[in-house]
Amino acid sequence: MPLWLAGEPLVLASKSASRYAILRDAGIPVAVEPADIDERAIEQRSAKQDAGELAAVLAREKARTIAA
């Protein structure tokens, strides 16, 4: 059974070549649409958060940007 069951590819809102390669190599169809956000500004606003919380904030911001 394949890992990705959706009819559409997973949208990767990142320019990360390594993330793309991991998903592709896992057999997941990927559409790369990098989100144009200022990650450094978000990191500075979220300085008191731990790494996991910061990753979640960045992921939400990227998803919001791409969804718009």
Protein backbone atom coordinates (compact mmCIF):
# COMPACT_ATOMS: atom_id res chain seq x y z
CA MET A 1 0.00 0.00 0.00
CA PRO A 2 1.45 3.42 -0.92
CA LEU A 3 2.22 6.00 1.75
CA TRP A 4 0.33 8.78 -0.03
CA LEU A 5 -3.32 8.04 -0.76
CA ALA A 6 -4.54 11.49 -1.81
CA GLY A 7 -5.32 12.13 -5.44
CA GLU A 8 -3.23 15.30 -5.49
CA PRO A 9 0.49 15.64 -4.68
CA LEU A 10 1.70 16.85 -1.30
CA VAL A 11 2.52 20.56 -1.43
CA LEU A 12 5.98 21.27 -0.06
CA ALA A 13 6.08 24.97 0.86
CA SER A 14 9.86 24.92 1.11
CA LYS A 15 12.88 25.20 -1.19
CA SER A 16 14.62 22.45 0.78
CA ALA A 17 16.19 20.01 -1.67
CA SER A 18 16.73 17.47 1.10
CA ARG A 19 13.06 17.53 2.20
CA TYR A 20 12.00 17.14 -1.42
CA ALA A 21 14.38 14.21 -1.91
CA ILE A 22 13.16 12.43 1.24
CA LEU A 23 9.52 12.70 0.15
CA ARG A 24 10.26 11.76 -3.47
CA ASP A 25 12.39 8.79 -2.43
CA ALA A 26 9.55 7.63 -0.18
CA GLY A 27 7.33 7.52 -3.26
CA ILE A 28 5.23 10.52 -2.27
CA PRO A 29 4.23 12.77 -5.18
CA VAL A 30 5.39 16.29 -4.36
CA ALA A 31 4.53 19.73 -5.75
CA VAL A 32 7.13 22.29 -4.67
CA GLU A 33 5.63 25.74 -4.01
CA PRO A 34 8.07 27.69 -1.80
CA ALA A 35 6.35 30.12 0.55
CA ASP A 36 7.69 33.65 0.34
CA ILE A 37 7.94 34.40 4.06
CA ASP A 38 10.63 36.00 6.21
CA GLU A 39 11.61 33.03 8.37
CA ARG A 40 14.19 35.04 10.32
CA ALA A 41 11.58 37.62 11.36
CA ILE A 42 9.26 34.83 12.51
CA GLU A 43 12.12 33.20 14.44
CA GLN A 44 12.87 36.50 16.18
CA ARG A 45 9.20 37.00 17.13
CA SER A 46 9.12 33.42 18.42
CA ALA A 47 12.46 33.50 20.24
CA LYS A 48 11.04 32.17 23.52
CA GLN A 49 9.61 29.03 21.90
CA ASP A 50 11.42 25.71 21.79
CA ALA A 51 12.52 24.21 18.47
CA GLY A 52 9.37 22.10 18.04
CA GLU A 53 7.05 25.04 18.65
CA LEU A 54 9.06 27.22 16.27
CA ALA A 55 8.87 24.54 13.57
CA ALA A 56 5.08 24.43 14.01
CA VAL A 57 4.81 28.24 13.74
CA LEU A 58 6.90 28.27 10.56
CA ALA A 59 4.85 25.41 9.07
CA ARG A 60 1.58 27.25 9.79
CA GLU A 61 2.87 30.47 8.26
CA LYS A 62 4.06 28.65 5.15
CA ALA A 63 0.71 26.83 4.83
CA ARG A 64 -1.24 30.08 5.22
CA THR A 65 0.88 31.78 2.59
CA ILE A 66 0.55 28.97 0.06
CA ALA A 67 -3.19 28.54 0.74
CA ALA A 68 -3.80 32.22 0.05
